[in-house]
Amino acid sequence: MKIPFTTEQFFEIIEKYNLAVFPVQLIILLLGILSVIILHSNINSKNKLIGGFLGVLWIWIGIAYHFTFFTEINKAAYVFGGFFVLQGLIFLIETFSRKKLEFEFNGKITDYIAYFFIVFAIVIYPVLIYFLENSLEKIITLGLPCPSTILTFGFLMLTKPKLSKYIVTIPVLWTIVGTSAAFNFGVYPDYIMALSALTAFIYLVTRKKE
């Protein structure tokens, strides 16, 4: 499939987004870090805070990035944005209505693998993009699709077995689409998105319920 935009156009959109929403990306980054801290807490609203963050994060990406910016160079972004908003709503429903999104860290090997994906999304991904592009304005951080998807897979691997398995469908589909950036635009950190999707999918669909 031919990509309907160039590498330069892609990073110009990233730059426009970063300049327009600043300092929201810093707030999202702090919320991501706070979610990790909350994961290890005993507060009663832990699941609602983390699940709510994931829901709002996906809705934000759908509206603030796909609909507002990415559609300038790719009309398919209207479809992408719609799926991101839908995924955000799914997170909110699973968190607040169905109450099937519950998080825990037990120190298992899979928990540490999940932690790697979360740390990669929050810290390593944007650092690598900075060195690849040598530009703060073109950096890709939480609040943009690919690092947020990696973070999502990390948190989903830290859920209890009562998790509804369908919840991984849209993130996996986006991974198939988004990984093309690694091939076409040299966004090499997106290879970790493919790894996180494969790892999380296999783990979540094969683990036994309690």
C-alpha atoms as a PDB file:
ATOM      1  CA  MET A   1       0.000   0.000   0.000  1.00  0.00           C
ATOM      2  CA  LYS A   2       1.393   3.377  -1.052  1.00  0.00           C
ATOM      3  CA  ILE A   3       1.735   5.919   1.757  1.00  0.00           C
ATOM      4  CA  PRO A   4      -0.069   9.141   0.688  1.00  0.00           C
ATOM      5  CA  PHE A   5       2.475  11.485   2.323  1.00  0.00           C
ATOM      6  CA  THR A   6       6.214  11.929   2.670  1.00  0.00           C
ATOM      7  CA  THR A   7       8.503  11.612   5.671  1.00  0.00           C
ATOM      8  CA  GLU A   8       8.877  15.392   5.705  1.00  0.00           C
ATOM      9  CA  GLN A   9       5.111  15.891   5.749  1.00  0.00           C
ATOM     10  CA  PHE A  10       4.731  13.351   8.549  1.00  0.00           C
ATOM     11  CA  PHE A  11       7.195  15.103  10.831  1.00  0.00           C
ATOM     12  CA  GLU A  12       5.805  18.529   9.885  1.00  0.00           C
ATOM     13  CA  ILE A  13       2.452  17.351  11.274  1.00  0.00           C
ATOM     14  CA  ILE A  14       4.173  16.147  14.450  1.00  0.00           C
ATOM     15  CA  GLU A  15       5.819  19.569  14.759  1.00  0.00           C
ATOM     16  CA  LYS A  16       2.507  21.391  14.230  1.00  0.00           C
ATOM     17  CA  TYR A  17       0.857  19.244  16.881  1.00  0.00           C
ATOM     18  CA  ASN A  18       3.643  19.774  19.406  1.00  0.00           C
ATOM     19  CA  LEU A  19       3.690  23.538  18.959  1.00  0.00           C
ATOM     20  CA  ALA A  20      -0.099  23.837  19.063  1.00  0.00           C
ATOM     21  CA  VAL A  21      -0.803  21.743  22.168  1.00  0.00           C
ATOM     22  CA  PHE A  22       2.233  22.611  24.310  1.00  0.00           C
ATOM     23  CA  PRO A  23       2.426  22.082  27.299  1.00  0.00           C
ATOM     24  CA  VAL A  24      -0.319  19.420  27.164  1.00  0.00           C
ATOM     25  CA  GLN A  25       2.179  16.740  26.135  1.00  0.00           C
ATOM     26  CA  LEU A  26       4.120  17.411  29.339  1.00  0.00           C
ATOM     27  CA  ILE A  27       0.925  17.023  31.357  1.00  0.00           C
ATOM     28  CA  ILE A  28       0.179  13.718  29.596  1.00  0.00           C
ATOM     29  CA  LEU A  29       3.735  12.574  30.316  1.00  0.00           C
ATOM     30  CA  LEU A  30       3.317  13.386  34.003  1.00  0.00           C
ATOM     31  CA  LEU A  31      -0.028  11.570  34.074  1.00  0.00           C
ATOM     32  CA  GLY A  32       1.665   8.530  32.565  1.00  0.00           C
ATOM     33  CA  ILE A  33       4.312   8.585  35.297  1.00  0.00           C
ATOM     34  CA  LEU A  34       1.627   9.149  37.926  1.00  0.00           C
ATOM     35  CA  SER A  35      -0.272   6.126  36.617  1.00  0.00           C
ATOM     36  CA  VAL A  36       2.795   3.966  37.219  1.00  0.00           C
ATOM     37  CA  ILE A  37       3.039   5.282  40.780  1.00  0.00           C
ATOM     38  CA  ILE A  38      -0.672   4.681  41.343  1.00  0.00           C
ATOM     39  CA  LEU A  39      -0.225   1.105  40.094  1.00  0.00           C
ATOM     40  CA  HIS A  40       1.834   0.379  43.205  1.00  0.00           C
ATOM     41  CA  SER A  41      -0.523   2.150  45.592  1.00  0.00           C
ATOM     42  CA  ASN A  42      -3.391   0.793  47.668  1.00  0.00           C
ATOM     43  CA  ILE A  43      -5.841   3.601  46.994  1.00  0.00           C
ATOM     44  CA  ASN A  44      -9.406   2.465  46.329  1.00  0.00           C
ATOM     45  CA  SER A  45      -9.691   4.409  43.071  1.00  0.00           C
ATOM     46  CA  LYS A  46      -6.520   2.932  41.522  1.00  0.00           C
ATOM     47  CA  ASN A  47      -8.326   1.088  38.733  1.00  0.00           C
ATOM     48  CA  LYS A  48     -10.539   4.051  37.902  1.00  0.00           C
ATOM     49  CA  LEU A  49      -7.587   6.438  37.742  1.00  0.00           C
ATOM     50  CA  ILE A  50      -5.452   4.238  35.477  1.00  0.00           C
ATOM     51  CA  GLY A  51      -8.361   3.040  33.329  1.00  0.00           C
ATOM     52  CA  GLY A  52      -9.684   6.576  33.105  1.00  0.00           C
ATOM     53  CA  PHE A  53      -6.276   7.846  32.026  1.00  0.00           C
ATOM     54  CA  LEU A  54      -6.077   5.261  29.229  1.00  0.00           C
ATOM     55  CA  GLY A  55      -9.588   6.128  28.086  1.00  0.00           C
ATOM     56  CA  VAL A  56      -8.976   9.864  27.974  1.00  0.00           C
ATOM     57  CA  LEU A  57      -5.572   9.311  26.348  1.00  0.00           C
ATOM     58  CA  TRP A  58      -7.050   7.400  23.404  1.00  0.00           C
ATOM     59  CA  ILE A  59      -9.895   9.889  22.972  1.00  0.00           C
ATOM     60  CA  TRP A  60      -7.366  12.751  23.052  1.00  0.00           C
ATOM     61  CA  ILE A  61      -5.272  11.127  20.313  1.00  0.00           C
ATOM     62  CA  GLY A  62      -8.336  10.529  18.152  1.00  0.00           C
ATOM     63  CA  ILE A  63      -9.533  14.120  18.368  1.00  0.00           C
ATOM     64  CA  ALA A  64      -6.442  16.245  19.014  1.00  0.00           C
ATOM     65  CA  TYR A  65      -4.047  14.412  16.698  1.00  0.00           C
ATOM     66  CA  HIS A  66      -5.909  12.366  14.096  1.00  0.00           C
ATOM     67  CA  PHE A  67      -8.926  14.600  13.466  1.00  0.00           C
ATOM     68  CA  THR A  68      -7.184  17.940  13.969  1.00  0.00           C
ATOM     69  CA  PHE A  69      -3.758  17.407  12.396  1.00  0.00           C
ATOM     70  CA  PHE A  70      -3.183  14.067  10.689  1.00  0.00           C
ATOM     71  CA  THR A  71      -6.189  14.534   8.369  1.00  0.00           C
ATOM     72  CA  GLU A  72      -4.233  17.346   6.664  1.00  0.00           C
ATOM     73  CA  ILE A  73      -2.024  14.779   4.935  1.00  0.00           C
ATOM     74  CA  ASN A  74      -4.061  11.569   5.185  1.00  0.00           C
ATOM     75  CA  LYS A  75      -7.867  11.472   4.965  1.00  0.00           C
ATOM     76  CA  ALA A  76      -7.801   7.960   6.400  1.00  0.00           C
ATOM     77  CA  ALA A  77      -7.032   9.694   9.696  1.00  0.00           C
ATOM     78  CA  TYR A  78     -10.769  10.329  10.056  1.00  0.00           C
ATOM     79  CA  VAL A  79     -11.188   6.556  10.282  1.00  0.00           C
ATOM     80  CA  PHE A  80      -8.145   6.169  12.544  1.00  0.00           C
ATOM     81  CA  GLY A  81      -9.429   8.933  14.797  1.00  0.00           C
ATOM     82  CA  GLY A  82     -12.836   7.317  15.018  1.00  0.00           C
ATOM     83  CA  PHE A  83     -11.311   4.028  16.144  1.00  0.00           C
ATOM     84  CA  PHE A  84      -9.129   5.785  18.713  1.00  0.00           C
ATOM     85  CA  VAL A  85     -12.159   7.560  20.179  1.00  0.00           C
ATOM     86  CA  LEU A  86     -14.031   4.244  20.199  1.00  0.00           C
ATOM     87  CA  GLN A  87     -11.135   2.561  22.016  1.00  0.00           C
ATOM     88  CA  GLY A  88     -11.122   5.347  24.573  1.00  0.00           C
ATOM     89  CA  LEU A  89     -14.824   4.855  25.192  1.00  0.00           C
ATOM     90  CA  ILE A  90     -14.239   1.101  25.535  1.00  0.00           C
ATOM     91  CA  PHE A  91     -11.646   1.761  28.237  1.00  0.00           C
ATOM     92  CA  LEU A  92     -14.063   4.035  30.083  1.00  0.00           C
ATOM     93  CA  ILE A  93     -16.921   1.528  29.838  1.00  0.00           C
ATOM     94  CA  GLU A  94     -14.727  -1.374  30.970  1.00  0.00           C
ATOM     95  CA  THR A  95     -13.427   0.758  33.847  1.00  0.00           C
ATOM     96  CA  PHE A  96     -16.494   2.518  35.208  1.00  0.00           C
ATOM     97  CA  SER A  97     -19.460   0.431  34.022  1.00  0.00           C
ATOM     98  CA  ARG A  98     -18.351  -3.178  33.631  1.00  0.00           C
ATOM     99  CA  LYS A  99     -15.493  -2.816  36.178  1.00  0.00           C
ATOM    100  CA  LYS A 100     -13.369  -5.415  34.379  1.00  0.00           C
ATOM    101  CA  LEU A 101     -10.257  -3.285  34.054  1.00  0.00           C
ATOM    102  CA  GLU A 102      -8.269  -3.946  37.219  1.00  0.00           C
ATOM    103  CA  PHE A 103      -4.516  -3.505  37.543  1.00  0.00           C
ATOM    104  CA  GLU A 104      -1.930  -5.220  39.720  1.00  0.00           C
ATOM    105  CA  PHE A 105       1.841  -5.773  39.887  1.00  0.00           C
ATOM    106  CA  ASN A 106       2.883  -9.136  41.307  1.00  0.00           C
ATOM    107  CA  GLY A 107       6.544  -9.260  40.335  1.00  0.00           C
ATOM    108  CA  LYS A 108       6.082 -11.978  37.716  1.00  0.00           C
ATOM    109  CA  ILE A 109       8.358 -12.066  34.680  1.00  0.00           C
ATOM    110  CA  THR A 110       5.456 -10.877  32.530  1.00  0.00           C
ATOM    111  CA  ASP A 111       4.973  -7.936  34.887  1.00  0.00           C
ATOM    112  CA  TYR A 112       8.562  -6.837  34.318  1.00  0.00           C
ATOM    113  CA  ILE A 113       8.169  -7.223  30.561  1.00  0.00           C
ATOM    114  CA  ALA A 114       5.074  -5.028  30.801  1.00  0.00           C
ATOM    115  CA  TYR A 115       7.070  -2.536  32.844  1.00  0.00           C
ATOM    116  CA  PHE A 116       9.708  -2.401  30.118  1.00  0.00           C
ATOM    117  CA  PHE A 117       7.057  -1.452  27.554  1.00  0.00           C
ATOM    118  CA  ILE A 118       5.692   1.270  29.841  1.00  0.00           C
ATOM    119  CA  VAL A 119       9.142   2.734  30.540  1.00  0.00           C
ATOM    120  CA  PHE A 120      10.012   2.511  26.848  1.00  0.00           C
ATOM    121  CA  ALA A 121       6.863   4.457  25.920  1.00  0.00           C
ATOM    122  CA  ILE A 122       7.359   7.158  28.547  1.00  0.00           C
ATOM    123  CA  VAL A 123      11.119   7.668  28.396  1.00  0.00           C
ATOM    124  CA  ILE A 124      13.065   5.707  25.796  1.00  0.00           C
ATOM    125  CA  TYR A 125      10.783   6.255  22.788  1.00  0.00           C
ATOM    126  CA  PRO A 126      10.886  10.084  22.822  1.00  0.00           C
ATOM    127  CA  VAL A 127      14.621  10.093  23.578  1.00  0.00           C
ATOM    128  CA  LEU A 128      15.315   7.881  20.559  1.00  0.00           C
ATOM    129  CA  ILE A 129      13.136  10.071  18.328  1.00  0.00           C
ATOM    130  CA  TYR A 130      15.000  13.153  19.537  1.00  0.00           C
ATOM    131  CA  PHE A 131      18.340  11.661  18.536  1.00  0.00           C
ATOM    132  CA  LEU A 132      16.930  10.478  15.201  1.00  0.00           C
ATOM    133  CA  GLU A 133      15.385  13.844  14.305  1.00  0.00           C
ATOM    134  CA  ASN A 134      17.574  16.165  16.393  1.00  0.00           C
ATOM    135  CA  SER A 135      14.537  18.344  17.103  1.00  0.00           C
ATOM    136  CA  LEU A 136      12.409  18.893  20.196  1.00  0.00           C
ATOM    137  CA  GLU A 137       9.567  20.173  18.009  1.00  0.00           C
ATOM    138  CA  LYS A 138       9.411  16.861  16.124  1.00  0.00           C
ATOM    139  CA  ILE A 139       9.664  14.606  19.153  1.00  0.00           C
ATOM    140  CA  ILE A 140       7.008  11.897  19.505  1.00  0.00           C
ATOM    141  CA  THR A 141       5.741  11.458  23.064  1.00  0.00           C
ATOM    142  CA  LEU A 142       2.729  10.137  24.974  1.00  0.00           C
ATOM    143  CA  GLY A 143      -0.380  11.717  23.523  1.00  0.00           C
ATOM    144  CA  LEU A 144       0.651  10.592  20.053  1.00  0.00           C
ATOM    145  CA  PRO A 145      -0.457   7.194  18.731  1.00  0.00           C
ATOM    146  CA  CYS A 146       2.533   4.872  18.751  1.00  0.00           C
ATOM    147  CA  PRO A 147       4.169   5.452  22.159  1.00  0.00           C
ATOM    148  CA  SER A 148       0.679   5.584  23.690  1.00  0.00           C
ATOM    149  CA  THR A 149      -0.125   2.216  22.127  1.00  0.00           C
ATOM    150  CA  ILE A 150       3.057   0.710  23.592  1.00  0.00           C
ATOM    151  CA  LEU A 151       2.121   2.127  26.999  1.00  0.00           C
ATOM    152  CA  THR A 152      -1.355   0.671  26.634  1.00  0.00           C
ATOM    153  CA  PHE A 153      -0.075  -2.828  25.932  1.00  0.00           C
ATOM    154  CA  GLY A 154       2.164  -2.545  28.981  1.00  0.00           C
ATOM    155  CA  PHE A 155      -0.717  -1.631  31.260  1.00  0.00           C
ATOM    156  CA  LEU A 156      -2.998  -4.278  29.747  1.00  0.00           C
ATOM    157  CA  MET A 157      -0.409  -6.930  30.622  1.00  0.00           C
ATOM    158  CA  LEU A 158      -0.719  -5.732  34.231  1.00  0.00           C
ATOM    159  CA  THR A 159      -4.457  -6.372  34.426  1.00  0.00           C
ATOM    160  CA  LYS A 160      -6.234  -9.149  36.277  1.00  0.00           C
ATOM    161  CA  PRO A 161      -7.477 -12.130  34.206  1.00  0.00           C
ATOM    162  CA  LYS A 162     -11.068 -10.845  34.287  1.00  0.00           C
ATOM    163  CA  LEU A 163     -10.060  -8.444  31.488  1.00  0.00           C
ATOM    164  CA  SER A 164     -12.315  -8.606  28.410  1.00  0.00           C
ATOM    165  CA  LYS A 165     -10.014  -9.881  25.667  1.00  0.00           C
ATOM    166  CA  TYR A 166     -11.707  -7.882  22.887  1.00  0.00           C
ATOM    167  CA  ILE A 167     -10.168  -4.767  24.388  1.00  0.00           C
ATOM    168  CA  VAL A 168      -6.873  -5.462  22.583  1.00  0.00           C
ATOM    169  CA  THR A 169      -8.457  -5.536  19.097  1.00  0.00           C
ATOM    170  CA  ILE A 170      -8.121  -1.871  18.118  1.00  0.00           C
ATOM    171  CA  PRO A 171      -4.611  -1.447  19.596  1.00  0.00           C
ATOM    172  CA  VAL A 172      -3.461  -4.509  17.614  1.00  0.00           C
ATOM    173  CA  LEU A 173      -5.049  -3.188  14.416  1.00  0.00           C
ATOM    174  CA  TRP A 174      -3.370   0.186  14.933  1.00  0.00           C
ATOM    175  CA  THR A 175      -0.050  -1.566  15.461  1.00  0.00           C
ATOM    176  CA  ILE A 176      -0.361  -3.132  12.008  1.00  0.00           C
ATOM    177  CA  VAL A 177      -1.014   0.300  10.510  1.00  0.00           C
ATOM    178  CA  GLY A 178       1.414   2.251  12.654  1.00  0.00           C
ATOM    179  CA  THR A 179       4.368  -0.081  12.261  1.00  0.00           C
ATOM    180  CA  SER A 180       4.554   1.024   8.628  1.00  0.00           C
ATOM    181  CA  ALA A 181       6.164   4.204   9.963  1.00  0.00           C
ATOM    182  CA  ALA A 182       9.179   2.161  11.000  1.00  0.00           C
ATOM    183  CA  PHE A 183       9.592   0.896   7.437  1.00  0.00           C
ATOM    184  CA  ASN A 184       8.684   4.042   5.512  1.00  0.00           C
ATOM    185  CA  PHE A 185       9.831   6.914   7.728  1.00  0.00           C
ATOM    186  CA  GLY A 186      12.656   5.468   9.790  1.00  0.00           C
ATOM    187  CA  VAL A 187      10.689   5.653  13.057  1.00  0.00           C
ATOM    188  CA  TYR A 188      12.600   2.659  14.361  1.00  0.00           C
ATOM    189  CA  PRO A 189      11.187   2.738  17.930  1.00  0.00           C
ATOM    190  CA  ASP A 190       7.899   1.571  16.397  1.00  0.00           C
ATOM    191  CA  TYR A 191       9.387  -1.898  16.046  1.00  0.00           C
ATOM    192  CA  ILE A 192       8.905  -2.104  19.823  1.00  0.00           C
ATOM    193  CA  MET A 193       5.221  -1.367  19.269  1.00  0.00           C
ATOM    194  CA  ALA A 194       5.008  -4.502  17.126  1.00  0.00           C
ATOM    195  CA  LEU A 195       6.857  -6.455  19.811  1.00  0.00           C
ATOM    196  CA  SER A 196       4.596  -5.129  22.570  1.00  0.00           C
ATOM    197  CA  ALA A 197       1.473  -5.977  20.548  1.00  0.00           C
ATOM    198  CA  LEU A 198       2.617  -9.522  19.843  1.00  0.00           C
ATOM    199  CA  THR A 199       3.725 -10.104  23.440  1.00  0.00           C
ATOM    200  CA  ALA A 200       0.586  -8.648  25.010  1.00  0.00           C
ATOM    201  CA  PHE A 201      -1.758 -10.407  22.594  1.00  0.00           C
ATOM    202  CA  ILE A 202      -0.234 -13.836  23.183  1.00  0.00           C
ATOM    203  CA  TYR A 203      -0.117 -13.320  26.945  1.00  0.00           C
ATOM    204  CA  LEU A 204      -3.631 -11.953  27.316  1.00  0.00           C
ATOM    205  CA  VAL A 205      -5.403 -14.511  25.142  1.00  0.00           C
ATOM    206  CA  THR A 206      -3.580 -17.525  26.584  1.00  0.00           C
ATOM    207  CA  ARG A 207      -3.509 -16.799  30.313  1.00  0.00           C
ATOM    208  CA  LYS A 208      -5.974 -18.624  32.469  1.00  0.00           C
ATOM    209  CA  LYS A 209      -8.728 -16.918  34.403  1.00  0.00           C
ATOM    210  CA  GLU A 210      -8.571 -17.027  38.176  1.00  0.00           C
END
